[in-house]
């Protein structure tokens, strides 16, 4: 994760922690939004959707702070999400919305 702006890293970690702490509600909301798009909201789709939202947050913050998306922010966020997505997957499996 070296190179990821420390404020962006902190925001990203906190956001994932919030998703984990309220996993049932986060998955329910994501499934509802995905269904409205006409897409089957399976576990991988929900995880992809939430990771996309988190990457959007990284892009927004990087552009606000640096004027553009820095490669090190993109790479660092991707590496962080690879690690944390596994945690999200496990939590969602244990609190599965049917």
PDB file of N, CA and C in Angstrom:
ATOM      1  N   UNK A   1       0.807  -1.191   0.000  1.00  0.00           N
ATOM      2  CA  UNK A   1       0.000   0.000   0.000  1.00  0.00           C
ATOM      3  C   UNK A   1       0.846   1.249   0.000  1.00  0.00           C
ATOM      4  N   UNK A   2       2.134   1.105  -0.121  1.00  0.00           N
ATOM      5  CA  UNK A   2       2.954   2.301  -0.058  1.00  0.00           C
ATOM      6  C   UNK A   2       2.562   3.242  -1.180  1.00  0.00           C
ATOM      7  N   UNK A   3       2.588   4.516  -0.874  1.00  0.00           N
ATOM      8  CA  UNK A   3       2.234   5.505  -1.857  1.00  0.00           C
ATOM      9  C   UNK A   3       0.815   6.003  -1.759  1.00  0.00           C
ATOM     10  N   UNK A   4      -0.076   5.220  -1.165  1.00  0.00           N
ATOM     11  CA  UNK A   4      -1.462   5.662  -1.002  1.00  0.00           C
ATOM     12  C   UNK A   4      -1.484   6.788   0.023  1.00  0.00           C
ATOM     13  N   UNK A   5      -2.053   7.900  -0.378  1.00  0.00           N
ATOM     14  CA  UNK A   5      -2.168   9.055   0.511  1.00  0.00           C
ATOM     15  C   UNK A   5      -2.742   8.596   1.857  1.00  0.00           C
ATOM     16  N   UNK A   6      -2.103   8.998   2.945  1.00  0.00           N
ATOM     17  CA  UNK A   6      -2.503   8.490   4.267  1.00  0.00           C
ATOM     18  C   UNK A   6      -3.932   8.873   4.640  1.00  0.00           C
ATOM     19  N   UNK A   7      -4.390  10.042   4.230  1.00  0.00           N
ATOM     20  CA  UNK A   7      -5.763  10.439   4.522  1.00  0.00           C
ATOM     21  C   UNK A   7      -6.758   9.615   3.724  1.00  0.00           C
ATOM     22  N   UNK A   8      -6.419   9.320   2.480  1.00  0.00           N
ATOM     23  CA  UNK A   8      -7.283   8.484   1.650  1.00  0.00           C
ATOM     24  C   UNK A   8      -7.292   7.058   2.194  1.00  0.00           C
ATOM     25  N   UNK A   9      -6.128   6.556   2.585  1.00  0.00           N
ATOM     26  CA  UNK A   9      -6.055   5.215   3.174  1.00  0.00           C
ATOM     27  C   UNK A   9      -6.932   5.124   4.413  1.00  0.00           C
ATOM     28  N   UNK A  10      -6.834   6.127   5.271  1.00  0.00           N
ATOM     29  CA  UNK A  10      -7.631   6.138   6.494  1.00  0.00           C
ATOM     30  C   UNK A  10      -9.126   6.156   6.183  1.00  0.00           C
ATOM     31  N   UNK A  11      -9.526   6.990   5.235  1.00  0.00           N
ATOM     32  CA  UNK A  11     -10.934   7.069   4.839  1.00  0.00           C
ATOM     33  C   UNK A  11     -11.408   5.745   4.254  1.00  0.00           C
ATOM     34  N   UNK A  12     -10.587   5.124   3.427  1.00  0.00           N
ATOM     35  CA  UNK A  12     -10.937   3.859   2.803  1.00  0.00           C
ATOM     36  C   UNK A  12     -11.066   2.743   3.848  1.00  0.00           C
ATOM     37  N   UNK A  13     -10.111   2.669   4.759  1.00  0.00           N
ATOM     38  CA  UNK A  13     -10.165   1.667   5.829  1.00  0.00           C
ATOM     39  C   UNK A  13     -11.414   1.865   6.694  1.00  0.00           C
ATOM     40  N   UNK A  14     -11.708   3.122   7.043  1.00  0.00           N
ATOM     41  CA  UNK A  14     -12.882   3.413   7.862  1.00  0.00           C
ATOM     42  C   UNK A  14     -14.163   3.041   7.126  1.00  0.00           C
ATOM     43  N   UNK A  15     -14.213   3.303   5.842  1.00  0.00           N
ATOM     44  CA  UNK A  15     -15.396   2.959   5.050  1.00  0.00           C
ATOM     45  C   UNK A  15     -15.619   1.453   5.019  1.00  0.00           C
ATOM     46  N   UNK A  16     -14.545   0.688   4.819  1.00  0.00           N
ATOM     47  CA  UNK A  16     -14.671  -0.776   4.828  1.00  0.00           C
ATOM     48  C   UNK A  16     -15.099  -1.243   6.216  1.00  0.00           C
ATOM     49  N   UNK A  17     -14.513  -0.677   7.253  1.00  0.00           N
ATOM     50  CA  UNK A  17     -14.914  -1.039   8.618  1.00  0.00           C
ATOM     51  C   UNK A  17     -16.398  -0.764   8.843  1.00  0.00           C
ATOM     52  N   UNK A  18     -16.891   0.354   8.313  1.00  0.00           N
ATOM     53  CA  UNK A  18     -18.318   0.675   8.442  1.00  0.00           C
ATOM     54  C   UNK A  18     -19.172  -0.344   7.703  1.00  0.00           C
ATOM     55  N   UNK A  19     -18.740  -0.759   6.510  1.00  0.00           N
ATOM     56  CA  UNK A  19     -19.467  -1.784   5.769  1.00  0.00           C
ATOM     57  C   UNK A  19     -19.526  -3.076   6.578  1.00  0.00           C
ATOM     58  N   UNK A  20     -18.415  -3.432   7.199  1.00  0.00           N
ATOM     59  CA  UNK A  20     -18.354  -4.665   7.975  1.00  0.00           C
ATOM     60  C   UNK A  20     -19.221  -4.572   9.222  1.00  0.00           C
ATOM     61  N   UNK A  21     -19.194  -3.433   9.882  1.00  0.00           N
ATOM     62  CA  UNK A  21     -19.953  -3.301  11.136  1.00  0.00           C
ATOM     63  C   UNK A  21     -21.461  -3.313  10.903  1.00  0.00           C
ATOM     64  N   UNK A  22     -21.901  -2.969   9.701  1.00  0.00           N
ATOM     65  CA  UNK A  22     -23.328  -2.965   9.383  1.00  0.00           C
ATOM     66  C   UNK A  22     -23.564  -3.784   8.110  1.00  0.00           C
ATOM     67  N   UNK A  23     -22.978  -4.977   8.085  1.00  0.00           N
ATOM     68  CA  UNK A  23     -22.947  -5.799   6.870  1.00  0.00           C
ATOM     69  C   UNK A  23     -24.335  -6.120   6.340  1.00  0.00           C
ATOM     70  N   UNK A  24     -25.243  -6.508   7.199  1.00  0.00           N
ATOM     71  CA  UNK A  24     -26.580  -6.887   6.739  1.00  0.00           C
ATOM     72  C   UNK A  24     -27.262  -5.718   6.027  1.00  0.00           C
ATOM     73  N   UNK A  25     -27.217  -4.544   6.621  1.00  0.00           N
ATOM     74  CA  UNK A  25     -27.849  -3.369   6.018  1.00  0.00           C
ATOM     75  C   UNK A  25     -27.144  -2.965   4.725  1.00  0.00           C
ATOM     76  N   UNK A  26     -25.814  -3.007   4.710  1.00  0.00           N
ATOM     77  CA  UNK A  26     -25.063  -2.634   3.510  1.00  0.00           C
ATOM     78  C   UNK A  26     -25.378  -3.583   2.354  1.00  0.00           C
ATOM     79  N   UNK A  27     -25.430  -4.869   2.653  1.00  0.00           N
ATOM     80  CA  UNK A  27     -25.732  -5.834   1.597  1.00  0.00           C
ATOM     81  C   UNK A  27     -27.168  -5.653   1.105  1.00  0.00           C
ATOM     82  N   UNK A  28     -28.093  -5.423   2.021  1.00  0.00           N
ATOM     83  CA  UNK A  28     -29.488  -5.217   1.630  1.00  0.00           C
ATOM     84  C   UNK A  28     -29.627  -4.016   0.711  1.00  0.00           C
ATOM     85  N   UNK A  29     -29.013  -2.907   1.081  1.00  0.00           N
ATOM     86  CA  UNK A  29     -29.085  -1.700   0.248  1.00  0.00           C
ATOM     87  C   UNK A  29     -28.432  -1.922  -1.112  1.00  0.00           C
ATOM     88  N   UNK A  30     -27.278  -2.568  -1.114  1.00  0.00           N
ATOM     89  CA  UNK A  30     -26.583  -2.826  -2.381  1.00  0.00           C
ATOM     90  C   UNK A  30     -27.416  -3.746  -3.273  1.00  0.00           C
ATOM     91  N   UNK A  31     -27.977  -4.809  -2.694  1.00  0.00           N
ATOM     92  CA  UNK A  31     -28.809  -5.737  -3.472  1.00  0.00           C
ATOM     93  C   UNK A  31     -29.997  -5.001  -4.084  1.00  0.00           C
ATOM     94  N   UNK A  32     -30.636  -4.143  -3.308  1.00  0.00           N
ATOM     95  CA  UNK A  32     -31.792  -3.395  -3.816  1.00  0.00           C
ATOM     96  C   UNK A  32     -31.395  -2.503  -4.986  1.00  0.00           C
ATOM     97  N   UNK A  33     -30.277  -1.805  -4.864  1.00  0.00           N
ATOM     98  CA  UNK A  33     -29.820  -0.921  -5.949  1.00  0.00           C
ATOM     99  C   UNK A  33     -29.458  -1.716  -7.202  1.00  0.00           C
ATOM    100  N   UNK A  34     -28.806  -2.845  -7.007  1.00  0.00           N
ATOM    101  CA  UNK A  34     -28.400  -3.684  -8.132  1.00  0.00           C
ATOM    102  C   UNK A  34     -29.629  -4.268  -8.828  1.00  0.00           C
ATOM    103  N   UNK A  35     -30.606  -4.727  -8.048  1.00  0.00           N
ATOM    104  CA  UNK A  35     -31.841  -5.252  -8.629  1.00  0.00           C
ATOM    105  C   UNK A  35     -32.556  -4.205  -9.477  1.00  0.00           C
ATOM    106  N   UNK A  36     -32.547  -2.948  -9.031  1.00  0.00           N
ATOM    107  CA  UNK A  36     -33.181  -1.866  -9.790  1.00  0.00           C
ATOM    108  C   UNK A  36     -32.544  -1.683 -11.156  1.00  0.00           C
ATOM    109  N   UNK A  37     -31.301  -2.101 -11.289  1.00  0.00           N
ATOM    110  CA  UNK A  37     -30.603  -2.024 -12.574  1.00  0.00           C
ATOM    111  C   UNK A  37     -30.892  -3.234 -13.457  1.00  0.00           C
ATOM    112  N   UNK A  38     -31.638  -4.190 -12.900  1.00  0.00           N
ATOM    113  CA  UNK A  38     -31.955  -5.395 -13.649  1.00  0.00           C
ATOM    114  C   UNK A  38     -30.844  -6.427 -13.640  1.00  0.00           C
ATOM    115  N   UNK A  39     -29.977  -6.354 -12.641  1.00  0.00           N
ATOM    116  CA  UNK A  39     -28.837  -7.268 -12.527  1.00  0.00           C
ATOM    117  C   UNK A  39     -29.072  -8.190 -11.329  1.00  0.00           C
ATOM    118  N   UNK A  40     -28.728  -9.459 -11.493  1.00  0.00           N
ATOM    119  CA  UNK A  40     -28.860 -10.425 -10.403  1.00  0.00           C
ATOM    120  C   UNK A  40     -27.884 -10.063  -9.285  1.00  0.00           C
ATOM    121  N   UNK A  41     -28.382  -9.798  -8.084  1.00  0.00           N
ATOM    122  CA  UNK A  41     -27.499  -9.345  -7.003  1.00  0.00           C
ATOM    123  C   UNK A  41     -26.882 -10.499  -6.195  1.00  0.00           C
ATOM    124  N   UNK A  42     -26.045 -11.299  -6.847  1.00  0.00           N
ATOM    125  CA  UNK A  42     -25.370 -12.364  -6.102  1.00  0.00           C
ATOM    126  C   UNK A  42     -24.217 -11.776  -5.280  1.00  0.00           C
ATOM    127  N   UNK A  43     -23.579 -12.593  -4.505  1.00  0.00           N
ATOM    128  CA  UNK A  43     -22.535 -12.122  -3.595  1.00  0.00           C
ATOM    129  C   UNK A  43     -21.413 -11.381  -4.323  1.00  0.00           C
ATOM    130  N   UNK A  44     -20.932 -11.944  -5.420  1.00  0.00           N
ATOM    131  CA  UNK A  44     -19.824 -11.305  -6.144  1.00  0.00           C
ATOM    132  C   UNK A  44     -20.249  -9.971  -6.745  1.00  0.00           C
ATOM    133  N   UNK A  45     -21.491  -9.884  -7.210  1.00  0.00           N
ATOM    134  CA  UNK A  45     -21.988  -8.632  -7.764  1.00  0.00           C
ATOM    135  C   UNK A  45     -22.067  -7.567  -6.679  1.00  0.00           C
ATOM    136  N   UNK A  46     -22.551  -7.959  -5.505  1.00  0.00           N
ATOM    137  CA  UNK A  46     -22.636  -7.017  -4.374  1.00  0.00           C
ATOM    138  C   UNK A  46     -21.240  -6.539  -3.988  1.00  0.00           C
ATOM    139  N   UNK A  47     -20.296  -7.460  -3.887  1.00  0.00           N
ATOM    140  CA  UNK A  47     -18.924  -7.075  -3.540  1.00  0.00           C
ATOM    141  C   UNK A  47     -18.323  -6.157  -4.602  1.00  0.00           C
ATOM    142  N   UNK A  48     -18.545  -6.471  -5.854  1.00  0.00           N
ATOM    143  CA  UNK A  48     -18.035  -5.625  -6.941  1.00  0.00           C
ATOM    144  C   UNK A  48     -18.647  -4.226  -6.874  1.00  0.00           C
ATOM    145  N   UNK A  49     -19.930  -4.165  -6.635  1.00  0.00           N
ATOM    146  CA  UNK A  49     -20.625  -2.887  -6.540  1.00  0.00           C
ATOM    147  C   UNK A  49     -20.039  -2.047  -5.400  1.00  0.00           C
ATOM    148  N   UNK A  50     -19.884  -2.655  -4.229  1.00  0.00           N
ATOM    149  CA  UNK A  50     -19.359  -1.913  -3.079  1.00  0.00           C
ATOM    150  C   UNK A  50     -17.905  -1.505  -3.290  1.00  0.00           C
ATOM    151  N   UNK A  51     -17.093  -2.371  -3.889  1.00  0.00           N
ATOM    152  CA  UNK A  51     -15.705  -2.000  -4.177  1.00  0.00           C
ATOM    153  C   UNK A  51     -15.660  -0.865  -5.200  1.00  0.00           C
ATOM    154  N   UNK A  52     -16.577  -0.873  -6.144  1.00  0.00           N
ATOM    155  CA  UNK A  52     -16.658   0.222  -7.104  1.00  0.00           C
ATOM    156  C   UNK A  52     -16.988   1.547  -6.433  1.00  0.00           C
ATOM    157  N   UNK A  53     -17.911   1.505  -5.478  1.00  0.00           N
ATOM    158  CA  UNK A  53     -18.227   2.718  -4.720  1.00  0.00           C
ATOM    159  C   UNK A  53     -17.000   3.213  -3.958  1.00  0.00           C
ATOM    160  N   UNK A  54     -16.274   2.287  -3.350  1.00  0.00           N
ATOM    161  CA  UNK A  54     -15.089   2.669  -2.586  1.00  0.00           C
ATOM    162  C   UNK A  54     -14.001   3.238  -3.497  1.00  0.00           C
ATOM    163  N   UNK A  55     -13.811   2.644  -4.679  1.00  0.00           N
ATOM    164  CA  UNK A  55     -12.813   3.183  -5.619  1.00  0.00           C
ATOM    165  C   UNK A  55     -13.238   4.564  -6.104  1.00  0.00           C
ATOM    166  N   UNK A  56     -14.544   4.775  -6.259  1.00  0.00           N
ATOM    167  CA  UNK A  56     -15.033   6.100  -6.631  1.00  0.00           C
ATOM    168  C   UNK A  56     -14.685   7.137  -5.581  1.00  0.00           C
ATOM    169  N   UNK A  57     -14.767   6.732  -4.329  1.00  0.00           N
ATOM    170  CA  UNK A  57     -14.389   7.608  -3.223  1.00  0.00           C
ATOM    171  C   UNK A  57     -12.902   7.951  -3.294  1.00  0.00           C
ATOM    172  N   UNK A  58     -12.078   6.953  -3.586  1.00  0.00           N
ATOM    173  CA  UNK A  58     -10.631   7.170  -3.721  1.00  0.00           C
ATOM    174  C   UNK A  58     -10.343   8.147  -4.854  1.00  0.00           C
ATOM    175  N   UNK A  59     -10.979   7.934  -6.001  1.00  0.00           N
ATOM    176  CA  UNK A  59     -10.759   8.820  -7.153  1.00  0.00           C
ATOM    177  C   UNK A  59     -11.146  10.245  -6.789  1.00  0.00           C
ATOM    178  N   UNK A  60     -12.328  10.406  -6.185  1.00  0.00           N
ATOM    179  CA  UNK A  60     -12.800  11.740  -5.817  1.00  0.00           C
ATOM    180  C   UNK A  60     -11.825  12.434  -4.880  1.00  0.00           C
ATOM    181  N   UNK A  61     -11.390  11.745  -3.845  1.00  0.00           N
ATOM    182  CA  UNK A  61     -10.485  12.353  -2.862  1.00  0.00           C
ATOM    183  C   UNK A  61      -9.121  12.640  -3.462  1.00  0.00           C
ATOM    184  N   UNK A  62      -8.614  11.755  -4.306  1.00  0.00           N
ATOM    185  CA  UNK A  62      -7.319  11.976  -4.939  1.00  0.00           C
ATOM    186  C   UNK A  62      -7.373  13.197  -5.859  1.00  0.00           C
ATOM    187  N   UNK A  63      -8.442  13.308  -6.637  1.00  0.00           N
ATOM    188  CA  UNK A  63      -8.594  14.451  -7.539  1.00  0.00           C
ATOM    189  C   UNK A  63      -8.748  15.742  -6.747  1.00  0.00           C
ATOM    190  N   UNK A  64      -9.542  15.701  -5.676  1.00  0.00           N
ATOM    191  CA  UNK A  64      -9.705  16.896  -4.844  1.00  0.00           C
ATOM    192  C   UNK A  64      -8.371  17.358  -4.271  1.00  0.00           C
ATOM    193  N   UNK A  65      -7.572  16.415  -3.819  1.00  0.00           N
ATOM    194  CA  UNK A  65      -6.330  16.763  -3.136  1.00  0.00           C
ATOM    195  C   UNK A  65      -5.173  17.045  -4.085  1.00  0.00           C
ATOM    196  N   UNK A  66      -5.097  16.291  -5.182  1.00  0.00           N
ATOM    197  CA  UNK A  66      -3.918  16.356  -6.050  1.00  0.00           C
ATOM    198  C   UNK A  66      -4.209  16.867  -7.462  1.00  0.00           C
ATOM    199  N   UNK A  67      -5.467  17.105  -7.780  1.00  0.00           N
ATOM    200  CA  UNK A  67      -5.818  17.600  -9.104  1.00  0.00           C
ATOM    201  C   UNK A  67      -6.072  16.521 -10.133  1.00  0.00           C
ATOM    202  N   UNK A  68      -5.672  15.306  -9.829  1.00  0.00           N
ATOM    203  CA  UNK A  68      -5.932  14.162 -10.708  1.00  0.00           C
ATOM    204  C   UNK A  68      -5.760  12.890  -9.878  1.00  0.00           C
ATOM    205  N   UNK A  69      -6.169  11.774 -10.458  1.00  0.00           N
ATOM    206  CA  UNK A  69      -5.977  10.495  -9.779  1.00  0.00           C
ATOM    207  C   UNK A  69      -4.514  10.102  -9.890  1.00  0.00           C
ATOM    208  N   UNK A  70      -3.857  10.035  -8.736  1.00  0.00           N
ATOM    209  CA  UNK A  70      -2.452   9.612  -8.735  1.00  0.00           C
ATOM    210  C   UNK A  70      -2.379   8.098  -8.878  1.00  0.00           C
ATOM    211  N   UNK A  71      -1.433   7.628  -9.673  1.00  0.00           N
ATOM    212  CA  UNK A  71      -1.262   6.184  -9.867  1.00  0.00           C
ATOM    213  C   UNK A  71      -1.029   5.473  -8.539  1.00  0.00           C
ATOM    214  N   UNK A  72      -0.266   6.098  -7.634  1.00  0.00           N
ATOM    215  CA  UNK A  72       0.018   5.451  -6.359  1.00  0.00           C
ATOM    216  C   UNK A  72      -1.243   5.340  -5.494  1.00  0.00           C
ATOM    217  N   UNK A  73      -2.172   6.293  -5.636  1.00  0.00           N
ATOM    218  CA  UNK A  73      -3.435   6.181  -4.905  1.00  0.00           C
ATOM    219  C   UNK A  73      -4.283   5.059  -5.489  1.00  0.00           C
ATOM    220  N   UNK A  74      -4.332   4.995  -6.815  1.00  0.00           N
ATOM    221  CA  UNK A  74      -5.101   3.929  -7.460  1.00  0.00           C
ATOM    222  C   UNK A  74      -4.530   2.558  -7.111  1.00  0.00           C
ATOM    223  N   UNK A  75      -3.213   2.418  -7.223  1.00  0.00           N
ATOM    224  CA  UNK A  75      -2.572   1.132  -6.929  1.00  0.00           C
ATOM    225  C   UNK A  75      -2.728   0.766  -5.444  1.00  0.00           C
ATOM    226  N   UNK A  76      -2.477   1.724  -4.569  1.00  0.00           N
ATOM    227  CA  UNK A  76      -2.584   1.456  -3.140  1.00  0.00           C
ATOM    228  C   UNK A  76      -3.997   1.081  -2.725  1.00  0.00           C
ATOM    229  N   UNK A  77      -4.987   1.765  -3.295  1.00  0.00           N
ATOM    230  CA  UNK A  77      -6.380   1.456  -2.978  1.00  0.00           C
ATOM    231  C   UNK A  77      -6.761   0.074  -3.507  1.00  0.00           C
ATOM    232  N   UNK A  78      -6.280  -0.261  -4.687  1.00  0.00           N
ATOM    233  CA  UNK A  78      -6.564  -1.581  -5.255  1.00  0.00           C
ATOM    234  C   UNK A  78      -5.986  -2.674  -4.361  1.00  0.00           C
ATOM    235  N   UNK A  79      -4.758  -2.496  -3.922  1.00  0.00           N
ATOM    236  CA  UNK A  79      -4.136  -3.489  -3.040  1.00  0.00           C
ATOM    237  C   UNK A  79      -4.883  -3.591  -1.707  1.00  0.00           C
ATOM    238  N   UNK A  80      -5.275  -2.464  -1.141  1.00  0.00           N
ATOM    239  CA  UNK A  80      -6.021  -2.466   0.115  1.00  0.00           C
ATOM    240  C   UNK A  80      -7.361  -3.183  -0.066  1.00  0.00           C
ATOM    241  N   UNK A  81      -8.049  -2.894  -1.167  1.00  0.00           N
ATOM    242  CA  UNK A  81      -9.348  -3.531  -1.394  1.00  0.00           C
ATOM    243  C   UNK A  81      -9.222  -5.019  -1.692  1.00  0.00           C
ATOM    244  N   UNK A  82      -8.148  -5.437  -2.323  1.00  0.00           N
ATOM    245  CA  UNK A  82      -7.934  -6.879  -2.520  1.00  0.00           C
ATOM    246  C   UNK A  82      -7.892  -7.581  -1.171  1.00  0.00           C
ATOM    247  N   UNK A  83      -7.189  -6.974  -0.247  1.00  0.00           N
ATOM    248  CA  UNK A  83      -7.065  -7.548   1.096  1.00  0.00           C
ATOM    249  C   UNK A  83      -8.383  -7.487   1.856  1.00  0.00           C
ATOM    250  N   UNK A  84      -9.031  -6.341   1.838  1.00  0.00           N
ATOM    251  CA  UNK A  84     -10.233  -6.147   2.650  1.00  0.00           C
ATOM    252  C   UNK A  84     -11.484  -6.769   2.028  1.00  0.00           C
ATOM    253  N   UNK A  85     -11.503  -6.975   0.704  1.00  0.00           N
ATOM    254  CA  UNK A  85     -12.663  -7.593   0.059  1.00  0.00           C
ATOM    255  C   UNK A  85     -12.874  -9.008   0.582  1.00  0.00           C
ATOM    256  N   UNK A  86     -11.787  -9.687   0.897  1.00  0.00           N
ATOM    257  CA  UNK A  86     -11.918 -11.035   1.472  1.00  0.00           C
ATOM    258  C   UNK A  86     -12.663 -10.969   2.800  1.00  0.00           C
ATOM    259  N   UNK A  87     -12.348  -9.965   3.629  1.00  0.00           N
ATOM    260  CA  UNK A  87     -13.062  -9.780   4.898  1.00  0.00           C
ATOM    261  C   UNK A  87     -14.538  -9.511   4.660  1.00  0.00           C
ATOM    262  N   UNK A  88     -14.829  -8.622   3.717  1.00  0.00           N
ATOM    263  CA  UNK A  88     -16.224  -8.325   3.389  1.00  0.00           C
ATOM    264  C   UNK A  88     -16.952  -9.585   2.942  1.00  0.00           C
ATOM    265  N   UNK A  89     -16.315 -10.358   2.089  1.00  0.00           N
ATOM    266  CA  UNK A  89     -16.926 -11.598   1.599  1.00  0.00           C
ATOM    267  C   UNK A  89     -17.284 -12.515   2.765  1.00  0.00           C
ATOM    268  N   UNK A  90     -16.369 -12.681   3.694  1.00  0.00           N
ATOM    269  CA  UNK A  90     -16.621 -13.571   4.829  1.00  0.00           C
ATOM    270  C   UNK A  90     -17.770 -13.061   5.694  1.00  0.00           C
ATOM    271  N   UNK A  91     -17.809 -11.768   5.947  1.00  0.00           N
ATOM    272  CA  UNK A  91     -18.885 -11.186   6.750  1.00  0.00           C
ATOM    273  C   UNK A  91     -20.220 -11.352   6.032  1.00  0.00           C
ATOM    274  N   UNK A  92     -20.246 -11.073   4.727  1.00  0.00           N
ATOM    275  CA  UNK A  92     -21.496 -11.202   3.980  1.00  0.00           C
ATOM    276  C   UNK A  92     -21.969 -12.656   3.929  1.00  0.00           C
ATOM    277  N   UNK A  93     -21.059 -13.594   3.831  1.00  0.00           N
ATOM    278  CA  UNK A  93     -21.437 -15.008   3.847  1.00  0.00           C
ATOM    279  C   UNK A  93     -22.112 -15.343   5.178  1.00  0.00           C
ATOM    280  N   UNK A  94     -21.568 -14.797   6.261  1.00  0.00           N
ATOM    281  CA  UNK A  94     -22.114 -15.090   7.589  1.00  0.00           C
ATOM    282  C   UNK A  94     -23.403 -14.346   7.914  1.00  0.00           C
ATOM    283  N   UNK A  95     -23.684 -13.265   7.180  1.00  0.00           N
ATOM    284  CA  UNK A  95     -24.909 -12.482   7.441  1.00  0.00           C
ATOM    285  C   UNK A  95     -25.755 -12.438   6.181  1.00  0.00           C
ATOM    286  N   UNK A  96     -25.685 -13.472   5.376  1.00  0.00           N
ATOM    287  CA  UNK A  96     -26.306 -13.511   4.043  1.00  0.00           C
ATOM    288  C   UNK A  96     -27.762 -13.094   4.039  1.00  0.00           C
ATOM    289  N   UNK A  97     -28.089 -12.199   3.125  1.00  0.00           N
ATOM    290  CA  UNK A  97     -29.457 -11.759   2.878  1.00  0.00           C
ATOM    291  C   UNK A  97     -30.028 -12.668   1.794  1.00  0.00           C
ATOM    292  N   UNK A  98     -31.144 -13.265   2.052  1.00  0.00           N
ATOM    293  CA  UNK A  98     -31.777 -14.153   1.039  1.00  0.00           C
ATOM    294  C   UNK A  98     -33.023 -13.530   0.483  1.00  0.00           C
TER     295      UNK A  98
END
